[in-house]
Each structure stands twice: as structure tokens, then as C-alpha cells.
Amino acid sequence: MGIKFSGVIVSLLLGTTLLLGGCGTQPAIGILDVNKVMSDSPQVKALQDQLNAKGKELSDQLEKDKTTISEDEFKKRQEAAYGDFLKTKQDLEGQIDSNIKQTLEQVSKDKKLSIVIYKNSIAQGGVDITDDVIAKMPAAPATPAPAK
């Protein structure tokens, strides 16, 4: 039994040594600062401008209608406008998320990164690819003219 046990230990040590020493290269790790992407990306700003325009359009329409409708009708329209605004917000957030993911995939492939993590999750190390992601994000769709 002593020989089998020693053989197992030697095998484990050999396997561990091969795993730790045999790789030779460290995986390339990319770092992404999502907060910076959200604040510095022209594409994200364009989508934020679209959301602001939609909010202003809905608010202006409510104010215009306020004097000609009952208080109950105003509340109904206000709730509908809020729902419309939230749907637009969710759609635009979905576009932003999709754009970031697609761009992140492309940048990580271009830079041959095996892992990309968010900046606020690490203490040190990695390659910051935030500016690359911002630079390569697809342009935001044109802002539609407000309805009259």
C-alpha cells in the first residue's frame, strides 16, 4: 500500500508542476471601465440625447394638453407618457448594452485577450481597453425629429 500511495503523491506533484509550469504564457487580461464608456462615448451621449429629447417631447405635450383636459385625463396621460418614456429608456439602454458587448468582443479579439473584466473588480494588472472600446463603438442612430 505504501508504494501505491507514494505513486499517487508523485503523480499529483508531477501533474501540478506541469499545470503550473507548463503553460509558459499568462492569459491576456483586458480591463474595461464601463463608467468611463458611459460618460465619454459619443455614441452613448447621442443615445442619452435621444432619451432627453423624448422626455422633453412628452413633457411639452402634457403641458400643452393640461389646460384643455380634466385632471383625471391628465393623470392618465401622465402615466401613459411615463410608460412611454420608460420603454424608450429601456430600448436605448438595450442598444447601449448591445453596442458595448459587440465592440468589446471585437476589441478583445483584436488584442487577443482571453479574459475581460470590469475595472472596479481588480486591484492591479491587465490591459485597459476602455479607450479602444469607446473609439470602436458603432455610431448611434440619427435622432428622430420630435412629433408635433
C-alpha atoms as a PDB file:
ATOM      1  CA  MET A   1       0.000   0.000   0.000  1.00  0.00           C
ATOM      2  CA  GLY A   2       2.935   2.351   0.685  1.00  0.00           C
ATOM      3  CA  ILE A   3       4.160   2.109  -2.916  1.00  0.00           C
ATOM      4  CA  LYS A   4       0.696   2.875  -4.371  1.00  0.00           C
ATOM      5  CA  PHE A   5       0.252   5.839  -2.041  1.00  0.00           C
ATOM      6  CA  SER A   6       3.712   7.194  -2.941  1.00  0.00           C
ATOM      7  CA  GLY A   7       2.903   6.737  -6.623  1.00  0.00           C
ATOM      8  CA  VAL A   8      -0.288   8.766  -6.231  1.00  0.00           C
ATOM      9  CA  ILE A   9       1.580  11.572  -4.466  1.00  0.00           C
ATOM     10  CA  VAL A  10       4.307  11.628  -7.130  1.00  0.00           C
ATOM     11  CA  SER A  11       1.650  11.666  -9.862  1.00  0.00           C
ATOM     12  CA  LEU A  12      -0.176  14.569  -8.183  1.00  0.00           C
ATOM     13  CA  LEU A  13       3.020  16.543  -7.745  1.00  0.00           C
ATOM     14  CA  LEU A  14       4.042  15.914 -11.353  1.00  0.00           C
ATOM     15  CA  GLY A  15       0.587  16.905 -12.615  1.00  0.00           C
ATOM     16  CA  THR A  16       0.558  20.083 -10.549  1.00  0.00           C
ATOM     17  CA  THR A  17       4.042  21.001 -11.750  1.00  0.00           C
ATOM     18  CA  LEU A  18       3.005  20.504 -15.363  1.00  0.00           C
ATOM     19  CA  LEU A  19      -0.128  22.580 -14.904  1.00  0.00           C
ATOM     20  CA  LEU A  20       1.638  25.439 -13.165  1.00  0.00           C
ATOM     21  CA  GLY A  21       4.898  25.411 -15.068  1.00  0.00           C
ATOM     22  CA  GLY A  22       3.936  24.052 -18.449  1.00  0.00           C
ATOM     23  CA  CYS A  23       1.732  26.884 -19.619  1.00  0.00           C
ATOM     24  CA  GLY A  24       4.577  29.352 -20.078  1.00  0.00           C
ATOM     25  CA  THR A  25       2.334  32.268 -21.011  1.00  0.00           C
ATOM     26  CA  GLN A  26      -0.133  34.116 -18.861  1.00  0.00           C
ATOM     27  CA  PRO A  27      -3.604  34.671 -20.283  1.00  0.00           C
ATOM     28  CA  ALA A  28      -4.034  38.200 -21.616  1.00  0.00           C
ATOM     29  CA  ILE A  29      -6.498  40.050 -19.415  1.00  0.00           C
ATOM     30  CA  GLY A  30      -8.341  43.166 -20.562  1.00  0.00           C
ATOM     31  CA  ILE A  31      -9.817  45.753 -18.238  1.00  0.00           C
ATOM     32  CA  LEU A  32     -12.945  47.756 -19.108  1.00  0.00           C
ATOM     33  CA  ASP A  33     -14.104  50.848 -17.222  1.00  0.00           C
ATOM     34  CA  VAL A  34     -17.830  50.808 -18.028  1.00  0.00           C
ATOM     35  CA  ASN A  35     -18.402  54.105 -16.183  1.00  0.00           C
ATOM     36  CA  LYS A  36     -15.901  55.819 -18.473  1.00  0.00           C
ATOM     37  CA  VAL A  37     -17.541  54.283 -21.540  1.00  0.00           C
ATOM     38  CA  MET A  38     -20.907  55.605 -20.342  1.00  0.00           C
ATOM     39  CA  SER A  39     -19.568  59.108 -19.691  1.00  0.00           C
ATOM     40  CA  ASP A  40     -17.064  59.534 -22.561  1.00  0.00           C
ATOM     41  CA  SER A  41     -18.585  57.692 -25.517  1.00  0.00           C
ATOM     42  CA  PRO A  42     -20.111  59.976 -28.163  1.00  0.00           C
ATOM     43  CA  GLN A  43     -22.445  57.140 -29.133  1.00  0.00           C
ATOM     44  CA  VAL A  44     -23.764  56.792 -25.585  1.00  0.00           C
ATOM     45  CA  LYS A  45     -24.143  60.579 -25.364  1.00  0.00           C
ATOM     46  CA  ALA A  46     -26.141  60.569 -28.616  1.00  0.00           C
ATOM     47  CA  LEU A  47     -28.488  57.925 -27.243  1.00  0.00           C
ATOM     48  CA  GLN A  48     -28.793  59.895 -23.977  1.00  0.00           C
ATOM     49  CA  ASP A  49     -29.677  62.975 -26.050  1.00  0.00           C
ATOM     50  CA  GLN A  50     -32.392  60.927 -27.781  1.00  0.00           C
ATOM     51  CA  LEU A  51     -33.817  59.961 -24.404  1.00  0.00           C
ATOM     52  CA  ASN A  52     -33.741  63.557 -23.197  1.00  0.00           C
ATOM     53  CA  ALA A  53     -35.479  64.710 -26.403  1.00  0.00           C
ATOM     54  CA  LYS A  54     -38.186  62.073 -25.913  1.00  0.00           C
ATOM     55  CA  GLY A  55     -38.693  63.186 -22.302  1.00  0.00           C
ATOM     56  CA  LYS A  56     -38.953  66.820 -23.345  1.00  0.00           C
ATOM     57  CA  GLU A  57     -41.374  65.962 -26.152  1.00  0.00           C
ATOM     58  CA  LEU A  58     -43.648  64.043 -23.771  1.00  0.00           C
ATOM     59  CA  SER A  59     -43.439  66.733 -21.097  1.00  0.00           C
ATOM     60  CA  ASP A  60     -44.177  69.526 -23.569  1.00  0.00           C
ATOM     61  CA  GLN A  61     -47.196  67.643 -24.927  1.00  0.00           C
ATOM     62  CA  LEU A  62     -48.538  67.108 -21.398  1.00  0.00           C
ATOM     63  CA  GLU A  63     -48.132  70.779 -20.524  1.00  0.00           C
ATOM     64  CA  LYS A  64     -49.865  71.768 -23.757  1.00  0.00           C
ATOM     65  CA  ASP A  65     -52.799  69.415 -23.088  1.00  0.00           C
ATOM     66  CA  LYS A  66     -53.044  70.211 -19.376  1.00  0.00           C
ATOM     67  CA  THR A  67     -55.282  73.236 -19.807  1.00  0.00           C
ATOM     68  CA  THR A  68     -57.751  71.505 -22.141  1.00  0.00           C
ATOM     69  CA  ILE A  69     -58.356  68.202 -20.310  1.00  0.00           C
ATOM     70  CA  SER A  70     -59.719  67.097 -16.964  1.00  0.00           C
ATOM     71  CA  GLU A  71     -57.448  66.328 -14.033  1.00  0.00           C
ATOM     72  CA  ASP A  72     -58.268  62.601 -14.313  1.00  0.00           C
ATOM     73  CA  GLU A  73     -57.475  62.582 -18.021  1.00  0.00           C
ATOM     74  CA  PHE A  74     -54.241  64.472 -17.316  1.00  0.00           C
ATOM     75  CA  LYS A  75     -53.193  61.824 -14.774  1.00  0.00           C
ATOM     76  CA  LYS A  76     -53.949  59.057 -17.285  1.00  0.00           C
ATOM     77  CA  ARG A  77     -51.908  60.781 -19.974  1.00  0.00           C
ATOM     78  CA  GLN A  78     -49.134  61.465 -17.488  1.00  0.00           C
ATOM     79  CA  GLU A  79     -48.969  57.757 -16.593  1.00  0.00           C
ATOM     80  CA  ALA A  80     -49.035  56.804 -20.297  1.00  0.00           C
ATOM     81  CA  ALA A  81     -46.262  59.309 -21.039  1.00  0.00           C
ATOM     82  CA  TYR A  82     -44.191  57.920 -18.174  1.00  0.00           C
ATOM     83  CA  GLY A  83     -44.674  54.386 -19.503  1.00  0.00           C
ATOM     84  CA  ASP A  84     -43.687  55.541 -22.996  1.00  0.00           C
ATOM     85  CA  PHE A  85     -40.589  57.239 -21.572  1.00  0.00           C
ATOM     86  CA  LEU A  86     -39.588  54.097 -19.633  1.00  0.00           C
ATOM     87  CA  LYS A  87     -39.993  51.933 -22.737  1.00  0.00           C
ATOM     88  CA  THR A  88     -37.809  54.310 -24.746  1.00  0.00           C
ATOM     89  CA  LYS A  89     -35.256  54.320 -21.923  1.00  0.00           C
ATOM     90  CA  GLN A  90     -35.169  50.510 -21.826  1.00  0.00           C
ATOM     91  CA  ASP A  91     -34.818  50.318 -25.621  1.00  0.00           C
ATOM     92  CA  LEU A  92     -31.926  52.787 -25.613  1.00  0.00           C
ATOM     93  CA  GLU A  93     -30.228  51.034 -22.678  1.00  0.00           C
ATOM     94  CA  GLY A  94     -30.554  47.776 -24.610  1.00  0.00           C
ATOM     95  CA  GLN A  95     -28.890  49.402 -27.634  1.00  0.00           C
ATOM     96  CA  ILE A  96     -26.062  50.716 -25.455  1.00  0.00           C
ATOM     97  CA  ASP A  97     -25.554  47.313 -23.818  1.00  0.00           C
ATOM     98  CA  SER A  98     -25.575  45.551 -27.185  1.00  0.00           C
ATOM     99  CA  ASN A  99     -23.129  48.068 -28.695  1.00  0.00           C
ATOM    100  CA  ILE A 100     -20.732  47.722 -25.767  1.00  0.00           C
ATOM    101  CA  LYS A 101     -20.856  43.906 -25.897  1.00  0.00           C
ATOM    102  CA  GLN A 102     -20.296  43.764 -29.667  1.00  0.00           C
ATOM    103  CA  THR A 103     -17.452  46.270 -29.504  1.00  0.00           C
ATOM    104  CA  LEU A 104     -15.925  44.528 -26.514  1.00  0.00           C
ATOM    105  CA  GLU A 105     -15.915  41.231 -28.400  1.00  0.00           C
ATOM    106  CA  GLN A 106     -14.184  42.858 -31.377  1.00  0.00           C
ATOM    107  CA  VAL A 107     -11.572  44.679 -29.273  1.00  0.00           C
ATOM    108  CA  SER A 108     -10.804  41.577 -27.224  1.00  0.00           C
ATOM    109  CA  LYS A 109     -10.383  39.563 -30.438  1.00  0.00           C
ATOM    110  CA  ASP A 110      -8.148  42.279 -31.986  1.00  0.00           C
ATOM    111  CA  LYS A 111      -5.973  42.408 -28.861  1.00  0.00           C
ATOM    112  CA  LYS A 112      -6.017  38.617 -28.393  1.00  0.00           C
ATOM    113  CA  LEU A 113      -7.430  38.882 -24.867  1.00  0.00           C
ATOM    114  CA  SER A 114      -8.646  35.707 -23.231  1.00  0.00           C
ATOM    115  CA  ILE A 115     -10.417  37.480 -20.354  1.00  0.00           C
ATOM    116  CA  VAL A 116     -12.015  40.921 -19.954  1.00  0.00           C
ATOM    117  CA  ILE A 117     -13.112  42.100 -16.516  1.00  0.00           C
ATOM    118  CA  TYR A 118     -14.626  45.301 -15.194  1.00  0.00           C
ATOM    119  CA  LYS A 119     -12.168  47.802 -13.788  1.00  0.00           C
ATOM    120  CA  ASN A 120     -13.828  48.159 -10.384  1.00  0.00           C
ATOM    121  CA  SER A 121     -13.282  44.414  -9.797  1.00  0.00           C
ATOM    122  CA  ILE A 122      -9.478  44.343  -9.828  1.00  0.00           C
ATOM    123  CA  ALA A 123      -6.627  45.645  -7.730  1.00  0.00           C
ATOM    124  CA  GLN A 124      -3.881  45.579 -10.346  1.00  0.00           C
ATOM    125  CA  GLY A 125      -2.803  44.129 -13.671  1.00  0.00           C
ATOM    126  CA  GLY A 126      -4.440  43.687 -17.027  1.00  0.00           C
ATOM    127  CA  VAL A 127      -4.580  45.828 -20.155  1.00  0.00           C
ATOM    128  CA  ASP A 128      -7.046  48.738 -20.054  1.00  0.00           C
ATOM    129  CA  ILE A 129      -9.079  48.588 -23.267  1.00  0.00           C
ATOM    130  CA  THR A 130     -11.666  51.221 -22.325  1.00  0.00           C
ATOM    131  CA  ASP A 131     -10.500  53.840 -24.848  1.00  0.00           C
ATOM    132  CA  ASP A 132     -10.373  51.193 -27.596  1.00  0.00           C
ATOM    133  CA  VAL A 133     -13.978  50.218 -26.899  1.00  0.00           C
ATOM    134  CA  ILE A 134     -15.096  53.867 -26.926  1.00  0.00           C
ATOM    135  CA  ALA A 135     -13.274  54.516 -30.208  1.00  0.00           C
ATOM    136  CA  LYS A 136     -14.748  51.459 -31.953  1.00  0.00           C
ATOM    137  CA  MET A 137     -18.358  51.687 -30.801  1.00  0.00           C
ATOM    138  CA  PRO A 138     -20.802  51.967 -33.713  1.00  0.00           C
ATOM    139  CA  ALA A 139     -22.405  55.318 -34.336  1.00  0.00           C
ATOM    140  CA  ALA A 140     -25.752  55.944 -32.696  1.00  0.00           C
ATOM    141  CA  PRO A 141     -28.775  56.142 -34.969  1.00  0.00           C
ATOM    142  CA  ALA A 142     -29.866  59.623 -36.008  1.00  0.00           C
ATOM    143  CA  THR A 143     -32.181  61.398 -33.590  1.00  0.00           C
ATOM    144  CA  PRO A 144     -35.721  61.423 -34.987  1.00  0.00           C
ATOM    145  CA  ALA A 145     -37.453  64.770 -35.307  1.00  0.00           C
ATOM    146  CA  PRO A 146     -39.899  65.401 -32.433  1.00  0.00           C
ATOM    147  CA  ALA A 147     -43.539  64.717 -33.304  1.00  0.00           C
ATOM    148  CA  LYS A 148     -45.801  67.723 -33.462  1.00  0.00           C
END
